[in-house]
Amino acid sequence: MPSQTTEAALEACIERALTGGVTVAAKEAVLQEPTPDYGGNGWKRGKPGDFNAEFAVDEAMLWQFLEGTQALRWVNRLLYCPLPC
């Protein structure tokens, strides 16, 4: 079997190492929802539409992180200093 030395094969190898899986592209070249991650090194896949290029951050992942790790602080902040503050 010949080795795959394309850019797509390299990207798949990197994604598999970081997340434990690979995003599957459909025949229509539309990305399907990835399968759940098992293994990997703690990295999670994001969706291209969630990435804010101006601030270089995945907004959905940022909010999940903040809500999951600092929920009480966010509630207190919004109670005492509503957005924008």
Protein backbone atom coordinates (compact mmCIF):
# COMPACT_ATOMS: atom_id res chain seq x y z
CA MET A 1 0.00 0.00 0.00
CA PRO A 2 1.49 3.38 -0.99
CA SER A 3 1.96 5.97 1.72
CA GLN A 4 -0.20 9.08 1.68
CA THR A 5 1.97 12.17 1.43
CA THR A 6 -0.68 14.76 0.62
CA GLU A 7 -1.44 17.85 2.67
CA ALA A 8 -4.84 16.35 3.56
CA ALA A 9 -3.14 13.20 4.89
CA LEU A 10 -0.81 15.33 7.03
CA GLU A 11 -3.73 17.35 8.39
CA ALA A 12 -5.61 14.13 9.20
CA CYS A 13 -2.56 12.74 10.99
CA ILE A 14 -2.20 15.90 13.11
CA GLU A 15 -5.92 16.01 13.89
CA ARG A 16 -5.92 12.33 14.89
CA ALA A 17 -2.92 12.88 17.20
CA LEU A 18 -4.49 15.91 18.91
CA THR A 19 -8.14 14.84 19.15
CA GLY A 20 -8.16 11.08 18.75
CA GLY A 21 -10.24 11.21 15.54
CA VAL A 22 -10.55 12.77 12.11
CA THR A 23 -13.31 14.93 10.61
CA VAL A 24 -14.87 13.07 7.69
CA ALA A 25 -15.54 14.96 4.46
CA ALA A 26 -18.59 13.95 2.48
CA LYS A 27 -18.60 13.44 -1.28
CA GLU A 28 -20.10 16.92 -1.73
CA ALA A 29 -17.04 18.36 0.07
CA VAL A 30 -19.19 19.46 2.99
CA LEU A 31 -17.83 18.67 6.43
CA GLN A 32 -19.98 16.34 8.47
CA GLU A 33 -20.31 16.48 12.22
CA PRO A 34 -17.26 14.76 13.70
CA THR A 35 -17.64 11.62 15.74
CA PRO A 36 -17.11 11.97 19.50
CA ASP A 37 -13.49 12.26 20.55
CA TYR A 38 -11.93 9.31 22.33
CA GLY A 39 -8.27 9.49 23.18
CA GLY A 40 -6.16 12.31 21.91
CA ASN A 41 -4.38 14.85 24.06
CA GLY A 42 -7.22 16.99 25.36
CA TRP A 43 -7.79 18.99 22.17
CA LYS A 44 -11.36 19.41 20.91
CA ARG A 45 -12.49 20.04 17.37
CA GLY A 46 -14.22 23.32 16.65
CA LYS A 47 -16.38 24.55 13.82
CA PRO A 48 -14.89 27.03 11.35
CA GLY A 49 -17.92 29.31 11.75
CA ASP A 50 -17.24 29.72 15.48
CA PHE A 51 -13.77 31.17 14.93
CA ASN A 52 -13.51 34.94 15.31
CA ALA A 53 -10.52 36.00 13.20
CA GLU A 54 -10.46 39.53 14.62
CA PHE A 55 -9.75 38.24 18.13
CA ALA A 56 -8.23 34.87 17.09
CA VAL A 57 -10.53 32.88 19.35
CA ASP A 58 -13.14 30.14 18.95
CA GLU A 59 -16.09 31.90 20.59
CA ALA A 60 -18.16 28.77 21.25
CA MET A 61 -15.24 27.02 22.96
CA LEU A 62 -14.44 30.18 24.96
CA TRP A 63 -17.99 30.43 26.32
CA GLN A 64 -18.08 26.70 27.12
CA PHE A 65 -14.82 27.07 29.02
CA LEU A 66 -15.95 30.15 30.94
CA GLU A 67 -19.32 28.66 31.84
CA GLY A 68 -17.74 25.37 32.87
CA THR A 69 -14.92 26.78 34.98
CA GLN A 70 -16.03 30.23 36.16
CA ALA A 71 -19.83 30.22 36.14
CA LEU A 72 -20.19 31.86 39.56
CA ARG A 73 -17.83 34.70 38.64
CA TRP A 74 -19.80 35.36 35.43
CA VAL A 75 -23.11 35.46 37.30
CA ASN A 76 -21.69 37.90 39.84
CA ARG A 77 -20.16 40.06 37.12
CA LEU A 78 -23.42 40.27 35.17
CA LEU A 79 -25.41 41.08 38.34
CA TYR A 80 -23.15 43.93 39.38
CA CYS A 81 -21.88 45.15 36.03
CA PRO A 82 -24.14 44.27 33.07
CA LEU A 83 -22.65 44.19 29.60
CA PRO A 84 -21.21 46.36 28.23
CA CYS A 85 -19.13 47.33 31.21
